[in-house]
């Protein structure tokens, strides 16, 4: 059984027990529960349900595992023969969510 959810302007395919890394969700603490109610597609043993735009009565429950920061990536700008060099690092914030239950 899996579901496709719409969250933060992106769509994610999720299954029970999966850990989903998304952009930071503000206002919730680690250990609390979060419910996704925008389910676009739901696949189960009974069949498939597609929403217009969302499946009615379907939801995905998740537990907030942690808030953190990803590994650093380096951004380098360089123009040859002009002595132009820029180097900058970036670390993206994330929230880890463990999918506990898919209701549909």
PDB file of N, CA and C in Angstrom:
ATOM      1  N   UNK A   1       0.841  -1.173   0.000  1.00  0.00           N
ATOM      2  CA  UNK A   1       0.000   0.000   0.000  1.00  0.00           C
ATOM      3  C   UNK A   1       0.887   1.237   0.000  1.00  0.00           C
ATOM      4  N   UNK A   2       0.570   2.169  -0.881  1.00  0.00           N
ATOM      5  CA  UNK A   2       1.309   3.424  -0.899  1.00  0.00           C
ATOM      6  C   UNK A   2       0.376   4.562  -1.266  1.00  0.00           C
ATOM      7  N   UNK A   3       0.862   5.781  -1.041  1.00  0.00           N
ATOM      8  CA  UNK A   3       0.078   6.971  -1.343  1.00  0.00           C
ATOM      9  C   UNK A   3       0.998   8.031  -1.917  1.00  0.00           C
ATOM     10  N   UNK A   4       0.424   8.901  -2.707  1.00  0.00           N
ATOM     11  CA  UNK A   4       1.146  10.065  -3.209  1.00  0.00           C
ATOM     12  C   UNK A   4       0.501  11.277  -2.552  1.00  0.00           C
ATOM     13  N   UNK A   5       1.307  12.048  -1.806  1.00  0.00           N
ATOM     14  CA  UNK A   5       0.787  13.191  -1.063  1.00  0.00           C
ATOM     15  C   UNK A   5       1.344  14.482  -1.639  1.00  0.00           C
ATOM     16  N   UNK A   6       0.589  15.553  -1.451  1.00  0.00           N
ATOM     17  CA  UNK A   6       1.005  16.885  -1.873  1.00  0.00           C
ATOM     18  C   UNK A   6       1.373  17.646  -0.606  1.00  0.00           C
ATOM     19  N   UNK A   7       2.629  18.091  -0.517  1.00  0.00           N
ATOM     20  CA  UNK A   7       3.100  18.770   0.687  1.00  0.00           C
ATOM     21  C   UNK A   7       4.179  19.771   0.312  1.00  0.00           C
ATOM     22  N   UNK A   8       3.971  21.014   0.677  1.00  0.00           N
ATOM     23  CA  UNK A   8       4.966  22.052   0.441  1.00  0.00           C
ATOM     24  C   UNK A   8       5.223  22.321  -1.024  1.00  0.00           C
ATOM     25  N   UNK A   9       4.211  22.157  -1.876  1.00  0.00           N
ATOM     26  CA  UNK A   9       4.379  22.412  -3.295  1.00  0.00           C
ATOM     27  C   UNK A   9       5.045  21.274  -4.050  1.00  0.00           C
ATOM     28  N   UNK A  10       5.285  20.154  -3.372  1.00  0.00           N
ATOM     29  CA  UNK A  10       5.911  18.993  -4.005  1.00  0.00           C
ATOM     30  C   UNK A  10       5.036  17.773  -3.748  1.00  0.00           C
ATOM     31  N   UNK A  11       5.228  16.733  -4.562  1.00  0.00           N
ATOM     32  CA  UNK A  11       4.502  15.486  -4.377  1.00  0.00           C
ATOM     33  C   UNK A  11       5.485  14.393  -3.986  1.00  0.00           C
ATOM     34  N   UNK A  12       5.109  13.589  -2.988  1.00  0.00           N
ATOM     35  CA  UNK A  12       5.962  12.528  -2.471  1.00  0.00           C
ATOM     36  C   UNK A  12       5.208  11.210  -2.507  1.00  0.00           C
ATOM     37  N   UNK A  13       5.894  10.136  -2.896  1.00  0.00           N
ATOM     38  CA  UNK A  13       5.338   8.790  -2.809  1.00  0.00           C
ATOM     39  C   UNK A  13       5.781   8.222  -1.474  1.00  0.00           C
ATOM     40  N   UNK A  14       4.806   7.812  -0.631  1.00  0.00           N
ATOM     41  CA  UNK A  14       5.126   7.342   0.706  1.00  0.00           C
ATOM     42  C   UNK A  14       4.515   5.966   0.966  1.00  0.00           C
ATOM     43  N   UNK A  15       5.199   5.186   1.803  1.00  0.00           N
ATOM     44  CA  UNK A  15       4.727   3.889   2.262  1.00  0.00           C
ATOM     45  C   UNK A  15       4.867   3.856   3.776  1.00  0.00           C
ATOM     46  N   UNK A  16       4.154   2.932   4.425  1.00  0.00           N
ATOM     47  CA  UNK A  16       4.246   2.823   5.876  1.00  0.00           C
ATOM     48  C   UNK A  16       5.652   2.381   6.283  1.00  0.00           C
ATOM     49  N   UNK A  17       6.176   3.014   7.329  1.00  0.00           N
ATOM     50  CA  UNK A  17       7.514   2.697   7.821  1.00  0.00           C
ATOM     51  C   UNK A  17       8.627   3.496   7.168  1.00  0.00           C
ATOM     52  N   UNK A  18       8.321   4.237   6.124  1.00  0.00           N
ATOM     53  CA  UNK A  18       9.323   5.021   5.397  1.00  0.00           C
ATOM     54  C   UNK A  18       9.625   6.304   6.171  1.00  0.00           C
ATOM     55  N   UNK A  19      10.879   6.762   6.098  1.00  0.00           N
ATOM     56  CA  UNK A  19      11.255   8.056   6.667  1.00  0.00           C
ATOM     57  C   UNK A  19      11.350   9.048   5.512  1.00  0.00           C
ATOM     58  N   UNK A  20      10.572  10.115   5.610  1.00  0.00           N
ATOM     59  CA  UNK A  20      10.473  11.120   4.558  1.00  0.00           C
ATOM     60  C   UNK A  20      11.212  12.372   5.004  1.00  0.00           C
ATOM     61  N   UNK A  21      12.132  12.850   4.186  1.00  0.00           N
ATOM     62  CA  UNK A  21      12.872  14.078   4.474  1.00  0.00           C
ATOM     63  C   UNK A  21      12.276  15.194   3.638  1.00  0.00           C
ATOM     64  N   UNK A  22      11.721  16.216   4.310  1.00  0.00           N
ATOM     65  CA  UNK A  22      11.098  17.342   3.630  1.00  0.00           C
ATOM     66  C   UNK A  22      11.760  18.633   4.091  1.00  0.00           C
ATOM     67  N   UNK A  23      11.314  19.725   3.502  1.00  0.00           N
ATOM     68  CA  UNK A  23      11.776  21.007   3.984  1.00  0.00           C
ATOM     69  C   UNK A  23      11.241  21.221   5.392  1.00  0.00           C
ATOM     70  N   UNK A  24      11.844  22.128   6.131  1.00  0.00           N
ATOM     71  CA  UNK A  24      11.507  22.320   7.530  1.00  0.00           C
ATOM     72  C   UNK A  24      10.032  22.654   7.714  1.00  0.00           C
ATOM     73  N   UNK A  25       9.397  21.931   8.658  1.00  0.00           N
ATOM     74  CA  UNK A  25       8.018  22.205   9.039  1.00  0.00           C
ATOM     75  C   UNK A  25       8.078  22.953  10.353  1.00  0.00           C
ATOM     76  N   UNK A  26       7.698  24.215  10.340  1.00  0.00           N
ATOM     77  CA  UNK A  26       7.794  25.034  11.549  1.00  0.00           C
ATOM     78  C   UNK A  26       6.571  24.825  12.434  1.00  0.00           C
ATOM     79  N   UNK A  27       6.758  24.958  13.715  1.00  0.00           N
ATOM     80  CA  UNK A  27       5.658  24.914  14.662  1.00  0.00           C
ATOM     81  C   UNK A  27       5.354  23.540  15.230  1.00  0.00           C
ATOM     82  N   UNK A  28       6.087  22.515  14.840  1.00  0.00           N
ATOM     83  CA  UNK A  28       5.878  21.198  15.442  1.00  0.00           C
ATOM     84  C   UNK A  28       7.199  20.701  16.008  1.00  0.00           C
ATOM     85  N   UNK A  29       7.097  19.946  17.069  1.00  0.00           N
ATOM     86  CA  UNK A  29       8.288  19.480  17.773  1.00  0.00           C
ATOM     87  C   UNK A  29       8.546  18.015  17.469  1.00  0.00           C
ATOM     88  N   UNK A  30       9.764  17.584  17.706  1.00  0.00           N
ATOM     89  CA  UNK A  30      10.117  16.180  17.511  1.00  0.00           C
ATOM     90  C   UNK A  30       9.309  15.311  18.471  1.00  0.00           C
ATOM     91  N   UNK A  31       8.795  14.203  17.956  1.00  0.00           N
ATOM     92  CA  UNK A  31       7.983  13.302  18.756  1.00  0.00           C
ATOM     93  C   UNK A  31       6.494  13.498  18.581  1.00  0.00           C
ATOM     94  N   UNK A  32       6.083  14.615  18.003  1.00  0.00           N
ATOM     95  CA  UNK A  32       4.653  14.859  17.817  1.00  0.00           C
ATOM     96  C   UNK A  32       4.170  14.226  16.513  1.00  0.00           C
ATOM     97  N   UNK A  33       2.855  14.214  16.337  1.00  0.00           N
ATOM     98  CA  UNK A  33       2.252  13.594  15.156  1.00  0.00           C
ATOM     99  C   UNK A  33       1.833  14.670  14.165  1.00  0.00           C
ATOM    100  N   UNK A  34       1.965  14.361  12.871  1.00  0.00           N
ATOM    101  CA  UNK A  34       1.572  15.271  11.801  1.00  0.00           C
ATOM    102  C   UNK A  34       0.688  14.491  10.834  1.00  0.00           C
ATOM    103  N   UNK A  35      -0.386  15.113  10.364  1.00  0.00           N
ATOM    104  CA  UNK A  35      -1.332  14.439   9.467  1.00  0.00           C
ATOM    105  C   UNK A  35      -1.332  15.153   8.121  1.00  0.00           C
ATOM    106  N   UNK A  36      -1.080  14.388   7.060  1.00  0.00           N
ATOM    107  CA  UNK A  36      -1.181  14.897   5.697  1.00  0.00           C
ATOM    108  C   UNK A  36      -2.587  14.586   5.197  1.00  0.00           C
ATOM    109  N   UNK A  37      -3.352  15.617   4.831  1.00  0.00           N
ATOM    110  CA  UNK A  37      -4.700  15.382   4.357  1.00  0.00           C
ATOM    111  C   UNK A  37      -4.845  15.563   2.851  1.00  0.00           C
ATOM    112  N   UNK A  38      -3.807  16.040   2.195  1.00  0.00           N
ATOM    113  CA  UNK A  38      -3.846  16.215   0.738  1.00  0.00           C
ATOM    114  C   UNK A  38      -3.256  14.984   0.062  1.00  0.00           C
ATOM    115  N   UNK A  39      -4.073  13.947  -0.076  1.00  0.00           N
ATOM    116  CA  UNK A  39      -3.650  12.706  -0.710  1.00  0.00           C
ATOM    117  C   UNK A  39      -4.122  12.745  -2.158  1.00  0.00           C
ATOM    118  N   UNK A  40      -3.185  12.708  -3.102  1.00  0.00           N
ATOM    119  CA  UNK A  40      -3.503  12.800  -4.522  1.00  0.00           C
ATOM    120  C   UNK A  40      -3.876  11.436  -5.090  1.00  0.00           C
ATOM    121  N   UNK A  41      -3.177  10.385  -4.640  1.00  0.00           N
ATOM    122  CA  UNK A  41      -3.377   9.038  -5.178  1.00  0.00           C
ATOM    123  C   UNK A  41      -3.195   8.030  -4.053  1.00  0.00           C
ATOM    124  N   UNK A  42      -4.009   6.978  -4.065  1.00  0.00           N
ATOM    125  CA  UNK A  42      -3.941   5.958  -3.025  1.00  0.00           C
ATOM    126  C   UNK A  42      -4.022   4.594  -3.679  1.00  0.00           C
ATOM    127  N   UNK A  43      -3.027   3.741  -3.421  1.00  0.00           N
ATOM    128  CA  UNK A  43      -2.985   2.388  -3.974  1.00  0.00           C
ATOM    129  C   UNK A  43      -3.002   1.412  -2.823  1.00  0.00           C
ATOM    130  N   UNK A  44      -3.991   0.496  -2.818  1.00  0.00           N
ATOM    131  CA  UNK A  44      -4.094  -0.512  -1.767  1.00  0.00           C
ATOM    132  C   UNK A  44      -4.423  -1.851  -2.406  1.00  0.00           C
ATOM    133  N   UNK A  45      -4.662  -2.871  -1.548  1.00  0.00           N
ATOM    134  CA  UNK A  45      -4.997  -4.194  -2.059  1.00  0.00           C
ATOM    135  C   UNK A  45      -6.345  -4.185  -2.781  1.00  0.00           C
ATOM    136  N   UNK A  46      -7.245  -3.287  -2.355  1.00  0.00           N
ATOM    137  CA  UNK A  46      -8.576  -3.206  -2.953  1.00  0.00           C
ATOM    138  C   UNK A  46      -8.552  -2.595  -4.346  1.00  0.00           C
ATOM    139  N   UNK A  47      -7.578  -1.763  -4.624  1.00  0.00           N
ATOM    140  CA  UNK A  47      -7.489  -1.087  -5.915  1.00  0.00           C
ATOM    141  C   UNK A  47      -6.855   0.277  -5.738  1.00  0.00           C
ATOM    142  N   UNK A  48      -7.042   1.106  -6.740  1.00  0.00           N
ATOM    143  CA  UNK A  48      -6.435   2.430  -6.729  1.00  0.00           C
ATOM    144  C   UNK A  48      -7.527   3.497  -6.711  1.00  0.00           C
ATOM    145  N   UNK A  49      -7.244   4.575  -5.996  1.00  0.00           N
ATOM    146  CA  UNK A  49      -8.159   5.720  -5.952  1.00  0.00           C
ATOM    147  C   UNK A  49      -7.378   6.959  -6.359  1.00  0.00           C
ATOM    148  N   UNK A  50      -7.932   7.700  -7.295  1.00  0.00           N
ATOM    149  CA  UNK A  50      -7.306   8.939  -7.735  1.00  0.00           C
ATOM    150  C   UNK A  50      -8.217  10.095  -7.365  1.00  0.00           C
ATOM    151  N   UNK A  51      -7.662  11.141  -6.818  1.00  0.00           N
ATOM    152  CA  UNK A  51      -8.449  12.278  -6.375  1.00  0.00           C
ATOM    153  C   UNK A  51      -8.642  13.317  -7.450  1.00  0.00           C
ATOM    154  N   UNK A  52      -9.678  14.139  -7.257  1.00  0.00           N
ATOM    155  CA  UNK A  52      -9.954  15.248  -8.170  1.00  0.00           C
ATOM    156  C   UNK A  52     -10.168  16.506  -7.355  1.00  0.00           C
ATOM    157  N   UNK A  53      -9.202  17.187  -6.833  1.00  0.00           N
ATOM    158  CA  UNK A  53      -7.769  16.936  -6.912  1.00  0.00           C
ATOM    159  C   UNK A  53      -7.251  16.021  -5.807  1.00  0.00           C
ATOM    160  N   UNK A  54      -8.027  15.828  -4.706  1.00  0.00           N
ATOM    161  CA  UNK A  54      -7.552  14.998  -3.601  1.00  0.00           C
ATOM    162  C   UNK A  54      -8.559  13.896  -3.299  1.00  0.00           C
ATOM    163  N   UNK A  55      -8.081  12.782  -2.753  1.00  0.00           N
ATOM    164  CA  UNK A  55      -8.935  11.653  -2.394  1.00  0.00           C
ATOM    165  C   UNK A  55      -9.678  12.015  -1.107  1.00  0.00           C
ATOM    166  N   UNK A  56     -11.014  11.919  -1.138  1.00  0.00           N
ATOM    167  CA  UNK A  56     -11.814  12.268   0.039  1.00  0.00           C
ATOM    168  C   UNK A  56     -11.710  11.172   1.097  1.00  0.00           C
ATOM    169  N   UNK A  57     -11.538  11.588   2.346  1.00  0.00           N
ATOM    170  CA  UNK A  57     -11.471  10.652   3.457  1.00  0.00           C
ATOM    171  C   UNK A  57     -10.128   9.972   3.634  1.00  0.00           C
ATOM    172  N   UNK A  58      -9.167  10.291   2.796  1.00  0.00           N
ATOM    173  CA  UNK A  58      -7.841   9.670   2.899  1.00  0.00           C
ATOM    174  C   UNK A  58      -6.888  10.610   3.626  1.00  0.00           C
ATOM    175  N   UNK A  59      -6.003  10.015   4.421  1.00  0.00           N
ATOM    176  CA  UNK A  59      -4.993  10.800   5.107  1.00  0.00           C
ATOM    177  C   UNK A  59      -3.786   9.916   5.394  1.00  0.00           C
ATOM    178  N   UNK A  60      -2.668  10.569   5.647  1.00  0.00           N
ATOM    179  CA  UNK A  60      -1.427   9.869   5.986  1.00  0.00           C
ATOM    180  C   UNK A  60      -0.940  10.442   7.300  1.00  0.00           C
ATOM    181  N   UNK A  61      -0.693   9.565   8.276  1.00  0.00           N
ATOM    182  CA  UNK A  61      -0.210   9.998   9.584  1.00  0.00           C
ATOM    183  C   UNK A  61       1.283   9.746   9.685  1.00  0.00           C
ATOM    184  N   UNK A  62       1.982  10.724  10.250  1.00  0.00           N
ATOM    185  CA  UNK A  62       3.436  10.627  10.373  1.00  0.00           C
ATOM    186  C   UNK A  62       3.871  11.135  11.740  1.00  0.00           C
ATOM    187  N   UNK A  63       4.999  10.631  12.194  1.00  0.00           N
ATOM    188  CA  UNK A  63       5.602  11.076  13.450  1.00  0.00           C
ATOM    189  C   UNK A  63       6.858  11.863  13.113  1.00  0.00           C
ATOM    190  N   UNK A  64       7.023  13.013  13.765  1.00  0.00           N
ATOM    191  CA  UNK A  64       8.195  13.853  13.520  1.00  0.00           C
ATOM    192  C   UNK A  64       9.378  13.228  14.242  1.00  0.00           C
ATOM    193  N   UNK A  65      10.391  12.816  13.480  1.00  0.00           N
ATOM    194  CA  UNK A  65      11.566  12.174  14.062  1.00  0.00           C
ATOM    195  C   UNK A  65      12.559  13.217  14.541  1.00  0.00           C
ATOM    196  N   UNK A  66      12.903  14.172  13.664  1.00  0.00           N
ATOM    197  CA  UNK A  66      13.898  15.185  14.031  1.00  0.00           C
ATOM    198  C   UNK A  66      13.852  16.353  13.070  1.00  0.00           C
ATOM    199  N   UNK A  67      14.431  17.450  13.512  1.00  0.00           N
ATOM    200  CA  UNK A  67      14.732  18.598  12.667  1.00  0.00           C
ATOM    201  C   UNK A  67      16.249  18.654  12.567  1.00  0.00           C
ATOM    202  N   UNK A  68      16.772  18.935  11.396  1.00  0.00           N
ATOM    203  CA  UNK A  68      18.222  18.954  11.262  1.00  0.00           C
ATOM    204  C   UNK A  68      18.677  19.754  10.065  1.00  0.00           C
ATOM    205  N   UNK A  69      19.971  19.640   9.803  1.00  0.00           N
ATOM    206  CA  UNK A  69      20.567  20.316   8.659  1.00  0.00           C
ATOM    207  C   UNK A  69      21.335  19.287   7.850  1.00  0.00           C
ATOM    208  N   UNK A  70      21.229  19.383   6.539  1.00  0.00           N
ATOM    209  CA  UNK A  70      21.850  18.443   5.634  1.00  0.00           C
ATOM    210  C   UNK A  70      23.350  18.731   5.509  1.00  0.00           C
ATOM    211  N   UNK A  71      24.046  17.891   4.768  1.00  0.00           N
ATOM    212  CA  UNK A  71      25.476  18.102   4.547  1.00  0.00           C
ATOM    213  C   UNK A  71      25.708  19.364   3.729  1.00  0.00           C
ATOM    214  N   UNK A  72      26.878  19.948   3.914  1.00  0.00           N
ATOM    215  CA  UNK A  72      27.205  21.182   3.218  1.00  0.00           C
ATOM    216  C   UNK A  72      27.555  20.903   1.760  1.00  0.00           C
ATOM    217  N   UNK A  73      27.015  21.732   0.881  1.00  0.00           N
ATOM    218  CA  UNK A  73      27.429  21.698  -0.525  1.00  0.00           C
ATOM    219  C   UNK A  73      28.169  22.999  -0.813  1.00  0.00           C
ATOM    220  N   UNK A  74      29.121  22.948  -1.711  1.00  0.00           N
ATOM    221  CA  UNK A  74      29.894  24.129  -2.071  1.00  0.00           C
ATOM    222  C   UNK A  74      29.411  24.663  -3.403  1.00  0.00           C
ATOM    223  N   UNK A  75      29.201  25.973  -3.443  1.00  0.00           N
ATOM    224  CA  UNK A  75      28.803  26.653  -4.661  1.00  0.00           C
ATOM    225  C   UNK A  75      30.000  27.490  -5.095  1.00  0.00           C
ATOM    226  N   UNK A  76      30.502  27.253  -6.314  1.00  0.00           N
ATOM    227  CA  UNK A  76      31.691  27.942  -6.794  1.00  0.00           C
ATOM    228  C   UNK A  76      31.356  28.675  -8.085  1.00  0.00           C
ATOM    229  N   UNK A  77      31.695  29.967  -8.124  1.00  0.00           N
ATOM    230  CA  UNK A  77      31.554  30.753  -9.356  1.00  0.00           C
ATOM    231  C   UNK A  77      32.962  31.109  -9.827  1.00  0.00           C
ATOM    232  N   UNK A  78      33.196  30.978 -11.106  1.00  0.00           N
ATOM    233  CA  UNK A  78      34.534  31.201 -11.628  1.00  0.00           C
ATOM    234  C   UNK A  78      34.429  31.728 -13.052  1.00  0.00           C
ATOM    235  N   UNK A  79      35.196  32.763 -13.365  1.00  0.00           N
ATOM    236  CA  UNK A  79      35.295  33.261 -14.732  1.00  0.00           C
ATOM    237  C   UNK A  79      36.769  33.323 -15.092  1.00  0.00           C
ATOM    238  N   UNK A  80      37.118  32.620 -16.116  1.00  0.00           N
ATOM    239  CA  UNK A  80      38.521  32.535 -16.501  1.00  0.00           C
ATOM    240  C   UNK A  80      39.087  33.859 -16.990  1.00  0.00           C
ATOM    241  N   UNK A  81      40.346  34.077 -16.706  1.00  0.00           N
ATOM    242  CA  UNK A  81      41.125  35.253 -17.135  1.00  0.00           C
ATOM    243  C   UNK A  81      40.628  36.563 -16.554  1.00  0.00           C
ATOM    244  N   UNK A  82      39.689  36.555 -15.636  1.00  0.00           N
ATOM    245  CA  UNK A  82      39.154  37.797 -15.080  1.00  0.00           C
ATOM    246  C   UNK A  82      39.449  37.934 -13.586  1.00  0.00           C
ATOM    247  N   UNK A  83      40.111  36.936 -12.976  1.00  0.00           N
ATOM    248  CA  UNK A  83      40.401  36.911 -11.550  1.00  0.00           C
ATOM    249  C   UNK A  83      39.110  37.017 -10.721  1.00  0.00           C
ATOM    250  N   UNK A  84      38.049  36.383 -11.208  1.00  0.00           N
ATOM    251  CA  UNK A  84      36.772  36.372 -10.509  1.00  0.00           C
ATOM    252  C   UNK A  84      36.546  34.982  -9.942  1.00  0.00           C
ATOM    253  N   UNK A  85      36.571  34.891  -8.627  1.00  0.00           N
ATOM    254  CA  UNK A  85      36.327  33.618  -7.963  1.00  0.00           C
ATOM    255  C   UNK A  85      35.458  33.857  -6.741  1.00  0.00           C
ATOM    256  N   UNK A  86      34.378  33.100  -6.614  1.00  0.00           N
ATOM    257  CA  UNK A  86      33.509  33.177  -5.443  1.00  0.00           C
ATOM    258  C   UNK A  86      33.241  31.759  -4.957  1.00  0.00           C
ATOM    259  N   UNK A  87      33.298  31.579  -3.657  1.00  0.00           N
ATOM    260  CA  UNK A  87      33.034  30.267  -3.083  1.00  0.00           C
ATOM    261  C   UNK A  87      32.105  30.449  -1.889  1.00  0.00           C
ATOM    262  N   UNK A  88      31.030  29.687  -1.890  1.00  0.00           N
ATOM    263  CA  UNK A  88      30.042  29.828  -0.838  1.00  0.00           C
ATOM    264  C   UNK A  88      29.492  28.441  -0.498  1.00  0.00           C
ATOM    265  N   UNK A  89      29.189  28.213   0.781  1.00  0.00           N
ATOM    266  CA  UNK A  89      28.612  26.953   1.212  1.00  0.00           C
ATOM    267  C   UNK A  89      27.130  27.109   1.523  1.00  0.00           C
ATOM    268  N   UNK A  90      26.423  25.989   1.494  1.00  0.00           N
ATOM    269  CA  UNK A  90      24.993  26.000   1.802  1.00  0.00           C
ATOM    270  C   UNK A  90      24.614  24.707   2.510  1.00  0.00           C
ATOM    271  N   UNK A  91      23.842  24.819   3.596  1.00  0.00           N
ATOM    272  CA  UNK A  91      23.295  23.654   4.300  1.00  0.00           C
ATOM    273  C   UNK A  91      21.787  23.821   4.368  1.00  0.00           C
ATOM    274  N   UNK A  92      21.061  22.870   3.800  1.00  0.00           N
ATOM    275  CA  UNK A  92      19.607  22.936   3.765  1.00  0.00           C
ATOM    276  C   UNK A  92      19.009  22.386   5.053  1.00  0.00           C
ATOM    277  N   UNK A  93      18.039  23.083   5.618  1.00  0.00           N
ATOM    278  CA  UNK A  93      17.308  22.578   6.779  1.00  0.00           C
ATOM    279  C   UNK A  93      16.302  21.528   6.321  1.00  0.00           C
ATOM    280  N   UNK A  94      16.046  20.525   7.181  1.00  0.00           N
ATOM    281  CA  UNK A  94      15.073  19.496   6.833  1.00  0.00           C
ATOM    282  C   UNK A  94      14.320  19.041   8.072  1.00  0.00           C
ATOM    283  N   UNK A  95      13.199  18.371   7.829  1.00  0.00           N
ATOM    284  CA  UNK A  95      12.440  17.699   8.872  1.00  0.00           C
ATOM    285  C   UNK A  95      12.277  16.252   8.454  1.00  0.00           C
ATOM    286  N   UNK A  96      12.608  15.325   9.335  1.00  0.00           N
ATOM    287  CA  UNK A  96      12.458  13.899   9.063  1.00  0.00           C
ATOM    288  C   UNK A  96      11.122  13.433   9.654  1.00  0.00           C
ATOM    289  N   UNK A  97      10.284  12.825   8.804  1.00  0.00           N
ATOM    290  CA  UNK A  97       8.972  12.347   9.209  1.00  0.00           C
ATOM    291  C   UNK A  97       8.889  10.856   8.943  1.00  0.00           C
ATOM    292  N   UNK A  98       8.495  10.068   9.952  1.00  0.00           N
ATOM    293  CA  UNK A  98       8.327   8.636   9.764  1.00  0.00           C
ATOM    294  C   UNK A  98       6.846   8.352   9.541  1.00  0.00           C
ATOM    295  N   UNK A  99       6.518   7.748   8.400  1.00  0.00           N
ATOM    296  CA  UNK A  99       5.139   7.456   8.041  1.00  0.00           C
ATOM    297  C   UNK A  99       4.660   6.284   8.905  1.00  0.00           C
ATOM    298  N   UNK A 100       3.615   6.518   9.701  1.00  0.00           N
ATOM    299  CA  UNK A 100       3.124   5.491  10.603  1.00  0.00           C
ATOM    300  C   UNK A 100       1.886   4.772  10.068  1.00  0.00           C
ATOM    301  N   UNK A 101       0.989   5.506   9.410  1.00  0.00           N
ATOM    302  CA  UNK A 101      -0.255   4.879   8.983  1.00  0.00           C
ATOM    303  C   UNK A 101      -0.829   5.602   7.765  1.00  0.00           C
ATOM    304  N   UNK A 102      -1.349   4.813   6.827  1.00  0.00           N
ATOM    305  CA  UNK A 102      -2.052   5.364   5.663  1.00  0.00           C
ATOM    306  C   UNK A 102      -3.517   4.965   5.799  1.00  0.00           C
ATOM    307  N   UNK A 103      -4.386   5.971   5.889  1.00  0.00           N
ATOM    308  CA  UNK A 103      -5.815   5.737   6.078  1.00  0.00           C
ATOM    309  C   UNK A 103      -6.534   6.086   4.778  1.00  0.00           C
ATOM    310  N   UNK A 104      -7.351   5.168   4.292  1.00  0.00           N
ATOM    311  CA  UNK A 104      -8.046   5.484   3.046  1.00  0.00           C
ATOM    312  C   UNK A 104      -9.251   4.635   2.910  1.00  0.00           C
TER     313      UNK A 104
END
